[in-house]
Amino acid sequence: MALLDLKELVDFRSYTSFGPLITVPLWRHVGRRHIILSSNIPLLLGWLLAGVAHSLPMLYAARLLWGCAVGMQFALVPIYIGEIAEDANRGALSSFFLLYINVGFLLAYAIGPFTTYRGLTAVGGVLSLLYVPFAWLIPESPFYLVYKGRYDEASKVLQELRCANKQQVQEELDGLKDLVAREFKEEPKIKDLWASRGNVKALGICVFLTMLLQLSGIDVLLFYMEELLVKVGTKMSAAQGTIIMGVVQVVTSCITPMVVDRLGRKFLMWTTSLGLTIFLTAIGVYALFDSYFKYDLSSIAFLPLLCLVIYMILFTLGVGPVPWILVAEMFPVKTKSLAGGICSFMCWLAGFVWTRFFRDVEASYGIYTAFWILAVCCGIGFIFSVTMLPETKGKTFDEIQDMLNNRSKDKTTEA
């Protein structure tokens, strides 16, 4: 089989963008649980196809299937978590989404250098098989059950989730009934996304932040990690460096659930985006002196790896998980699934564009320029987070909608 050029493979990453579009028309008819379960079908087929591939078209097809699966999960899992969580721990539970993604990255980093291509695809296929029995145990979203009029099932799910009896969850169940009755007097339409100031504001914020997630450079670093560690001058082996990065991501992901509901979304976004701006700039300066001016930087050869480690810590604490938490929090239930699909689509589209053209920027203007572009994007994210991002920590969905629509003062006055 001919070798697949990395740039060609990245081109097919764009198919991840279409996965979210699959979930949008299905959620009202199939439900969250069954879509999450069915997302494993293209994932497993992708691993099987990659394992037996003997031509580039087969690898392209496998990449297409993986992209659809990942896109479906990114569009729906954050929303599902937001619907089963309580207001007090919604941010923490949503952060576990990124934790398990990082566990997957670490497995790939740790296994990849020490096995064959077929061995790695076999591991991926086995893990996909394990996905089915574990995902089968998850309950349907109480909101979806109420939407379908299955109140007894919704009550049982709430009792299991809250570890409470029927009387104790009745108030929450009644709240869901009122919410569905209020929001779904008419079938959801795409124009509902701009039907109110709050919807437009929420969509603008979430689209920007999910695109920032990619434009901060995370996929560039993950795709080209081994190559970048060599190019920026670190003396550590590429395999060792990627494993260290994976461990850092997983450890930091374990910390995020403990701080996101204490420090707040806004604080984590502006502090981590500011930090990313500083350290990406520093990596670019190092690369400039090392690759362009040819200075002897052996005495500080540890600096690029240190900056990349700090980058991973900051990304995993804020810029990575917070956008998906906000996607699950900021939209009214009527438009949440549609808006989640759009945000996920724009996220992966931004990732595809930048990952696709990273090599072109590097070849034409130097790798240091590529890092500085990423730093500028994070700097814009810092300014946006400080000036435009509202705080949603600890608020109910109704309180968030009141805040986005500037109704808080009116409601307080009426009360």
Protein backbone atom coordinates (compact mmCIF):
# COMPACT_ATOMS: atom_id res chain seq x y z
CA MET A 1 0.00 0.00 0.00
CA ALA A 2 1.34 3.41 -0.89
CA LEU A 3 2.26 5.71 1.96
CA LEU A 4 -0.45 8.21 2.83
CA ASP A 5 0.75 11.79 2.84
CA LEU A 6 -0.20 13.39 6.16
CA LYS A 7 -1.63 16.39 4.39
CA GLU A 8 -3.97 14.12 2.44
CA LEU A 9 -5.16 12.46 5.63
CA VAL A 10 -5.78 15.85 7.24
CA ASP A 11 -7.93 16.79 4.24
CA PHE A 12 -10.25 13.92 5.04
CA ARG A 13 -10.47 15.10 8.61
CA SER A 14 -12.96 17.64 7.29
CA TYR A 15 -15.57 14.88 7.26
CA THR A 16 -15.67 15.19 11.05
CA SER A 17 -17.57 18.41 10.36
CA PHE A 18 -20.51 16.50 8.93
CA GLY A 19 -21.03 14.21 11.92
CA PRO A 20 -22.92 16.88 13.92
CA LEU A 21 -25.32 17.41 11.04
CA ILE A 22 -26.45 13.79 11.38
CA THR A 23 -27.64 14.31 14.96
CA VAL A 24 -29.72 17.45 14.37
CA PRO A 25 -32.71 15.87 12.54
CA LEU A 26 -32.65 12.74 14.71
CA TRP A 27 -32.74 13.93 18.31
CA ARG A 28 -36.52 14.57 18.46
CA HIS A 29 -37.32 11.14 17.01
CA VAL A 30 -34.62 8.82 18.35
CA GLY A 31 -33.43 10.32 21.62
CA ARG A 32 -30.03 11.08 23.07
CA ARG A 33 -29.22 7.58 24.30
CA HIS A 34 -29.80 5.80 21.01
CA ILE A 35 -27.84 8.35 18.99
CA ILE A 36 -24.90 8.02 21.40
CA LEU A 37 -25.11 4.24 21.05
CA SER A 38 -25.40 4.36 17.26
CA SER A 39 -22.36 6.63 16.95
CA ASN A 40 -20.26 3.57 17.71
CA ILE A 41 -21.35 1.91 14.44
CA PRO A 42 -19.25 4.15 12.15
CA LEU A 43 -16.49 4.17 14.76
CA LEU A 44 -16.22 0.37 14.83
CA LEU A 45 -16.58 0.06 11.06
CA GLY A 46 -13.80 2.61 10.67
CA TRP A 47 -11.41 0.57 12.80
CA LEU A 48 -12.30 -2.63 10.97
CA LEU A 49 -11.78 -0.99 7.59
CA ALA A 50 -8.50 0.58 8.68
CA GLY A 51 -7.29 -2.79 9.95
CA VAL A 52 -7.78 -4.54 6.62
CA ALA A 53 -6.95 -1.54 4.40
CA HIS A 54 -4.64 -2.19 1.46
CA SER A 55 -5.23 1.03 -0.49
CA LEU A 56 -5.59 4.74 0.13
CA PRO A 57 -9.32 4.82 -0.72
CA MET A 58 -9.95 2.32 2.08
CA LEU A 59 -8.10 4.55 4.55
CA TYR A 60 -10.05 7.53 3.31
CA ALA A 61 -13.29 5.64 3.90
CA ALA A 62 -12.17 4.67 7.41
CA ARG A 63 -11.33 8.29 8.16
CA LEU A 64 -14.75 9.35 6.90
CA LEU A 65 -16.45 6.88 9.26
CA TRP A 66 -14.32 7.99 12.23
CA GLY A 67 -15.10 11.62 11.47
CA CYS A 68 -18.84 11.01 11.41
CA ALA A 69 -18.69 9.13 14.72
CA VAL A 70 -16.62 11.75 16.51
CA GLY A 71 -18.74 14.58 15.12
CA MET A 72 -21.94 12.90 16.34
CA GLN A 73 -20.52 12.45 19.82
CA PHE A 74 -19.20 15.99 20.13
CA ALA A 75 -22.56 17.40 19.04
CA LEU A 76 -24.66 15.38 21.49
CA VAL A 77 -22.66 14.16 24.51
CA PRO A 78 -22.15 17.65 26.07
CA ILE A 79 -25.88 18.34 25.71
CA TYR A 80 -26.76 14.94 27.20
CA ILE A 81 -24.49 15.57 30.19
CA GLY A 82 -26.05 18.99 30.70
CA GLU A 83 -29.52 17.43 30.76
CA ILE A 84 -28.78 14.71 33.30
CA ALA A 85 -26.64 16.86 35.62
CA GLU A 86 -27.78 19.08 38.46
CA ASP A 87 -27.09 22.81 38.36
CA ALA A 88 -24.45 22.58 41.10
CA ASN A 89 -22.29 19.95 39.36
CA ARG A 90 -23.10 20.51 35.69
CA GLY A 91 -19.70 22.01 34.91
CA ALA A 92 -17.78 19.29 36.73
CA LEU A 93 -19.64 16.46 35.01
CA SER A 94 -19.23 18.12 31.61
CA SER A 95 -15.47 18.29 32.19
CA PHE A 96 -15.28 14.50 32.31
CA PHE A 97 -16.02 14.51 28.59
CA LEU A 98 -12.58 15.97 27.88
CA LEU A 99 -10.95 13.73 30.49
CA TYR A 100 -11.91 10.55 28.67
CA ILE A 101 -10.92 12.03 25.32
CA ASN A 102 -7.47 12.67 26.78
CA VAL A 103 -7.31 9.12 28.15
CA GLY A 104 -7.81 7.95 24.56
CA PHE A 105 -5.02 10.19 23.32
CA LEU A 106 -2.69 8.85 26.02
CA LEU A 107 -3.45 5.26 25.03
CA ALA A 108 -2.57 6.06 21.42
CA TYR A 109 0.64 7.85 22.44
CA ALA A 110 1.67 5.01 24.76
CA ILE A 111 0.80 2.11 22.45
CA GLY A 112 1.59 3.56 19.02
CA PRO A 113 5.41 3.74 19.22
CA PHE A 114 5.69 0.17 20.51
CA THR A 115 3.39 -1.74 18.21
CA THR A 116 2.62 -2.17 14.54
CA TYR A 117 -0.04 -0.37 12.53
CA ARG A 118 -2.23 -3.49 12.61
CA GLY A 119 -1.73 -3.79 16.35
CA LEU A 120 -2.90 -0.23 16.95
CA THR A 121 -6.02 -0.69 14.82
CA ALA A 122 -6.77 -3.93 16.69
CA VAL A 123 -6.63 -2.07 20.02
CA GLY A 124 -8.96 0.59 18.65
CA GLY A 125 -11.39 -2.05 17.41
CA VAL A 126 -11.45 -3.87 20.76
CA LEU A 127 -12.10 -0.62 22.66
CA SER A 128 -14.94 0.17 20.26
CA LEU A 129 -16.47 -3.21 21.02
CA LEU A 130 -16.32 -2.45 24.75
CA TYR A 131 -18.13 0.83 24.10
CA VAL A 132 -21.40 -0.97 23.36
CA PRO A 133 -22.04 -2.79 26.69
CA PHE A 134 -20.92 0.19 28.77
CA ALA A 135 -22.92 2.76 26.77
CA TRP A 136 -25.95 0.46 26.96
CA LEU A 137 -26.08 1.15 30.71
CA ILE A 138 -26.62 4.89 30.36
CA PRO A 139 -30.23 6.09 30.85
CA GLU A 140 -32.21 8.17 28.42
CA SER A 141 -32.24 11.90 29.10
CA PRO A 142 -35.12 12.82 31.47
CA PHE A 143 -35.81 15.85 29.30
CA TYR A 144 -36.30 13.70 26.19
CA LEU A 145 -38.61 11.34 28.07
CA VAL A 146 -40.75 14.26 29.25
CA TYR A 147 -40.74 15.69 25.72
CA LYS A 148 -42.19 12.37 24.53
CA GLY A 149 -44.76 12.28 27.32
CA ARG A 150 -43.15 9.29 29.07
CA TYR A 151 -43.45 10.79 32.55
CA ASP A 152 -43.19 7.58 34.58
CA GLU A 153 -39.93 6.65 32.84
CA ALA A 154 -38.59 10.16 33.35
CA SER A 155 -39.39 9.94 37.06
CA LYS A 156 -37.58 6.61 37.39
CA VAL A 157 -34.50 7.97 35.60
CA LEU A 158 -34.45 11.04 37.85
CA GLN A 159 -34.74 8.83 40.93
CA GLU A 160 -31.73 6.79 39.77
CA LEU A 161 -29.68 9.87 38.86
CA ARG A 162 -30.46 11.79 42.05
CA CYS A 163 -30.50 8.76 44.38
CA ALA A 164 -33.89 9.96 45.62
CA ASN A 165 -37.47 8.75 45.88
CA LYS A 166 -40.42 9.70 43.70
CA GLN A 167 -41.59 12.53 45.93
CA GLN A 168 -38.13 14.09 46.08
CA VAL A 169 -37.77 14.30 42.26
CA GLN A 170 -41.36 15.41 41.63
CA GLU A 171 -40.49 19.11 41.72
CA GLU A 172 -37.75 18.65 39.12
CA LEU A 173 -40.08 16.53 36.98
CA ASP A 174 -42.79 19.21 37.15
CA GLY A 175 -40.21 21.78 36.13
CA LEU A 176 -39.30 19.72 33.06
CA LYS A 177 -42.99 19.40 32.16
CA ASP A 178 -43.46 23.17 32.41
CA LEU A 179 -40.32 23.73 30.37
CA VAL A 180 -41.45 21.44 27.55
CA ALA A 181 -44.96 22.93 27.54
CA ARG A 182 -43.54 26.45 27.36
CA GLU A 183 -40.79 25.88 24.80
CA PHE A 184 -42.44 23.41 22.44
CA LYS A 185 -45.75 25.04 21.61
CA GLU A 186 -44.46 24.84 18.01
CA GLU A 187 -41.96 22.52 16.38
CA PRO A 188 -38.35 23.81 16.50
CA LYS A 189 -37.18 25.68 13.39
CA ILE A 190 -33.77 26.96 12.38
CA LYS A 191 -35.04 30.54 12.58
CA ASP A 192 -35.51 30.02 16.33
CA LEU A 193 -31.73 30.45 16.63
CA TRP A 194 -32.11 34.18 15.98
CA ALA A 195 -35.64 34.61 17.34
CA SER A 196 -34.38 36.40 20.45
CA ARG A 197 -31.41 38.47 21.52
CA GLY A 198 -30.38 35.77 23.97
CA ASN A 199 -30.27 33.09 21.29
CA VAL A 200 -28.15 35.24 18.98
CA LYS A 201 -25.79 36.13 21.82
CA ALA A 202 -25.46 32.50 22.94
CA LEU A 203 -24.81 31.30 19.39
CA GLY A 204 -22.18 33.96 18.79
CA ILE A 205 -20.38 33.20 22.05
CA CYS A 206 -20.41 29.43 21.64
CA VAL A 207 -19.44 29.42 17.95
CA PHE A 208 -16.54 31.76 18.67
CA LEU A 209 -15.28 29.77 21.65
CA THR A 210 -15.57 26.37 19.96
CA MET A 211 -13.65 27.77 16.98
CA LEU A 212 -11.08 29.25 19.39
CA LEU A 213 -10.68 25.77 20.85
CA GLN A 214 -9.28 24.68 17.47
CA LEU A 215 -7.56 27.95 16.52
CA SER A 216 -5.56 27.78 19.75
CA GLY A 217 -3.61 25.08 17.94
CA ILE A 218 -4.53 21.96 19.85
CA ASP A 219 -5.11 19.79 16.79
CA VAL A 220 -1.91 21.05 15.17
CA LEU A 221 0.01 19.98 18.26
CA LEU A 222 -1.74 16.61 18.44
CA PHE A 223 -1.34 15.86 14.71
CA TYR A 224 2.28 16.98 14.50
CA MET A 225 3.41 16.43 18.10
CA GLU A 226 6.43 14.24 17.38
CA GLU A 227 7.55 16.42 14.47
CA LEU A 228 7.12 19.65 16.43
CA LEU A 229 9.15 18.38 19.37
CA VAL A 230 12.05 17.84 16.98
CA LYS A 231 11.61 21.11 15.09
CA VAL A 232 11.49 23.37 18.12
CA GLY A 233 14.76 21.91 19.29
CA THR A 234 14.00 19.69 22.26
CA LYS A 235 16.51 16.91 22.85
CA MET A 236 13.98 14.41 24.17
CA SER A 237 12.83 11.64 21.86
CA ALA A 238 9.55 12.30 20.08
CA ALA A 239 7.89 9.19 21.54
CA GLN A 240 8.85 10.17 25.09
CA GLY A 241 7.64 13.72 24.54
CA THR A 242 4.21 12.68 23.29
CA ILE A 243 3.72 10.29 26.21
CA ILE A 244 4.61 13.08 28.64
CA MET A 245 2.08 15.33 26.91
CA GLY A 246 -0.59 12.65 27.18
CA VAL A 247 0.06 12.15 30.90
CA VAL A 248 -0.10 15.92 31.48
CA GLN A 249 -3.45 16.10 29.66
CA VAL A 250 -4.98 13.25 31.68
CA VAL A 251 -3.73 14.52 35.06
CA THR A 252 -4.93 18.06 34.34
CA SER A 253 -8.29 16.72 33.12
CA CYS A 254 -8.73 15.13 36.55
CA ILE A 255 -8.24 18.55 38.16
CA THR A 256 -10.66 20.41 35.88
CA PRO A 257 -13.91 18.92 37.36
CA MET A 258 -12.77 20.07 40.83
CA VAL A 259 -12.26 23.72 39.82
CA VAL A 260 -14.71 24.52 37.02
CA ASP A 261 -17.70 24.94 39.35
CA ARG A 262 -15.63 26.82 41.93
CA LEU A 263 -13.65 29.25 39.80
CA GLY A 264 -16.28 29.70 37.10
CA ARG A 265 -16.29 29.45 33.32
CA LYS A 266 -15.34 33.08 32.63
CA PHE A 267 -12.31 33.05 34.95
CA LEU A 268 -10.98 29.81 33.49
CA MET A 269 -11.45 31.05 29.92
CA TRP A 270 -9.66 34.39 30.25
CA THR A 271 -6.81 33.13 32.42
CA THR A 272 -6.03 30.11 30.28
CA SER A 273 -6.36 31.97 26.97
CA LEU A 274 -3.98 34.63 28.30
CA GLY A 275 -1.56 31.93 29.39
CA LEU A 276 -1.72 30.24 25.99
CA THR A 277 -0.96 33.58 24.33
CA ILE A 278 2.18 34.01 26.44
CA PHE A 279 3.56 30.51 26.05
CA LEU A 280 2.81 30.16 22.33
CA THR A 281 4.64 33.46 21.82
CA ALA A 282 7.57 32.10 23.83
CA ILE A 283 7.74 28.91 21.72
CA GLY A 284 7.71 31.04 18.58
CA VAL A 285 10.58 33.20 19.86
CA TYR A 286 12.59 30.09 20.71
CA ALA A 287 11.95 28.61 17.26
CA LEU A 288 12.96 31.92 15.63
CA PHE A 289 16.35 32.01 17.33
CA ASP A 290 16.91 28.27 16.89
CA SER A 291 15.83 27.70 13.28
CA TYR A 292 16.24 31.15 11.69
CA PHE A 293 19.11 32.87 13.49
CA LYS A 294 20.83 29.53 14.26
CA TYR A 295 21.76 30.51 17.82
CA ASP A 296 23.14 27.86 20.15
CA LEU A 297 20.28 27.32 22.60
CA SER A 298 21.51 24.04 24.06
CA SER A 299 21.61 25.54 27.55
CA ILE A 300 17.83 26.13 27.45
CA ALA A 301 16.86 23.18 25.25
CA PHE A 302 14.28 22.23 27.88
CA LEU A 303 12.28 25.41 27.24
CA PRO A 304 10.13 24.25 24.25
CA LEU A 305 9.01 21.09 26.03
CA LEU A 306 8.29 23.06 29.20
CA CYS A 307 6.20 25.58 27.25
CA LEU A 308 4.30 22.79 25.48
CA VAL A 309 3.60 21.07 28.81
CA ILE A 310 2.26 24.32 30.28
CA TYR A 311 0.26 24.81 27.09
CA MET A 312 -1.41 21.43 27.58
CA ILE A 313 -2.16 22.19 31.23
CA LEU A 314 -3.77 25.53 30.41
CA PHE A 315 -5.72 24.18 27.44
CA THR A 316 -7.08 21.26 29.45
CA LEU A 317 -8.11 23.51 32.34
CA GLY A 318 -10.04 26.10 30.35
CA VAL A 319 -9.97 26.60 26.60
CA GLY A 320 -10.61 22.89 25.98
CA PRO A 321 -13.57 22.00 28.23
CA VAL A 322 -15.32 25.33 28.88
CA PRO A 323 -16.75 25.85 25.34
CA TRP A 324 -18.52 22.49 25.48
CA ILE A 325 -19.87 23.26 28.97
CA LEU A 326 -21.29 26.53 27.64
CA VAL A 327 -22.85 24.80 24.63
CA ALA A 328 -24.80 22.62 27.06
CA GLU A 329 -25.80 25.60 29.25
CA MET A 330 -26.48 28.70 27.16
CA PHE A 331 -29.23 27.65 24.75
CA PRO A 332 -32.93 27.16 25.48
CA VAL A 333 -34.01 23.55 25.18
CA LYS A 334 -35.89 24.21 21.96
CA THR A 335 -32.74 25.17 20.06
CA LYS A 336 -30.10 23.35 22.09
CA SER A 337 -29.59 20.35 19.81
CA LEU A 338 -29.57 22.44 16.64
CA ALA A 339 -27.19 24.98 18.15
CA GLY A 340 -24.97 22.19 19.49
CA GLY A 341 -24.72 20.69 16.02
CA ILE A 342 -23.80 24.06 14.50
CA CYS A 343 -21.15 24.75 17.16
CA SER A 344 -19.63 21.30 16.71
CA PHE A 345 -19.64 21.74 12.93
CA MET A 346 -17.87 25.11 13.15
CA CYS A 347 -15.37 23.73 15.66
CA TRP A 348 -14.28 20.90 13.40
CA LEU A 349 -14.37 23.09 10.31
CA ALA A 350 -12.01 25.59 11.97
CA GLY A 351 -9.76 22.72 13.03
CA PHE A 352 -9.67 21.34 9.50
CA VAL A 353 -8.82 24.71 7.92
CA TRP A 354 -5.96 25.50 10.30
CA THR A 355 -4.55 21.96 10.40
CA ARG A 356 -4.77 21.80 6.62
CA PHE A 357 -2.78 25.01 6.08
CA PHE A 358 -0.37 24.76 9.01
CA ARG A 359 2.33 23.19 6.85
CA ASP A 360 1.91 25.87 4.19
CA VAL A 361 2.41 28.63 6.76
CA GLU A 362 5.38 26.79 8.23
CA ALA A 363 7.03 26.25 4.85
CA SER A 364 6.48 29.82 3.64
CA TYR A 365 7.02 31.87 6.78
CA GLY A 366 8.67 29.60 9.33
CA ILE A 367 7.31 27.53 12.19
CA TYR A 368 7.75 30.49 14.54
CA THR A 369 5.21 32.47 12.47
CA ALA A 370 2.71 29.61 12.80
CA PHE A 371 3.07 29.70 16.58
CA TRP A 372 2.63 33.47 16.64
CA ILE A 373 -0.59 33.18 14.62
CA LEU A 374 -1.88 30.77 17.24
CA ALA A 375 -0.82 33.23 19.96
CA VAL A 376 -2.76 36.03 18.25
CA CYS A 377 -5.88 33.83 18.11
CA CYS A 378 -5.57 33.09 21.85
CA GLY A 379 -5.01 36.79 22.54
CA ILE A 380 -8.28 37.59 20.77
CA GLY A 381 -9.91 34.84 22.86
CA PHE A 382 -8.58 36.49 26.03
CA ILE A 383 -10.07 39.88 25.09
CA PHE A 384 -13.36 38.25 24.12
CA SER A 385 -13.57 36.27 27.37
CA VAL A 386 -12.92 39.34 29.52
CA THR A 387 -15.35 41.64 27.71
CA MET A 388 -18.10 39.46 26.25
CA LEU A 389 -18.40 36.18 28.17
CA PRO A 390 -21.05 36.02 30.92
CA GLU A 391 -20.65 33.80 33.97
CA THR A 392 -23.01 30.79 34.10
CA LYS A 393 -21.57 29.03 37.15
CA GLY A 394 -24.26 27.67 39.46
CA LYS A 395 -27.15 29.20 37.51
CA THR A 396 -30.26 27.34 36.39
CA PHE A 397 -31.09 27.22 32.68
CA ASP A 398 -33.88 29.76 33.20
CA GLU A 399 -31.53 32.13 35.04
CA ILE A 400 -29.03 31.87 32.20
CA GLN A 401 -31.73 32.74 29.67
CA ASP A 402 -32.84 35.70 31.77
CA MET A 403 -29.25 36.93 31.89
CA LEU A 404 -28.70 36.56 28.13
CA ASN A 405 -31.96 38.36 27.38
CA ASN A 406 -31.39 41.05 30.02
CA ARG A 407 -34.52 40.00 31.90
CA SER A 408 -32.99 39.59 35.36
CA LYS A 409 -33.79 43.09 36.57
CA ASP A 410 -37.35 42.93 35.30
CA LYS A 411 -37.93 39.61 37.01
CA THR A 412 -36.47 40.89 40.26
CA THR A 413 -38.71 43.93 40.14
CA GLU A 414 -41.80 41.83 39.51
CA ALA A 415 -40.93 39.53 42.39
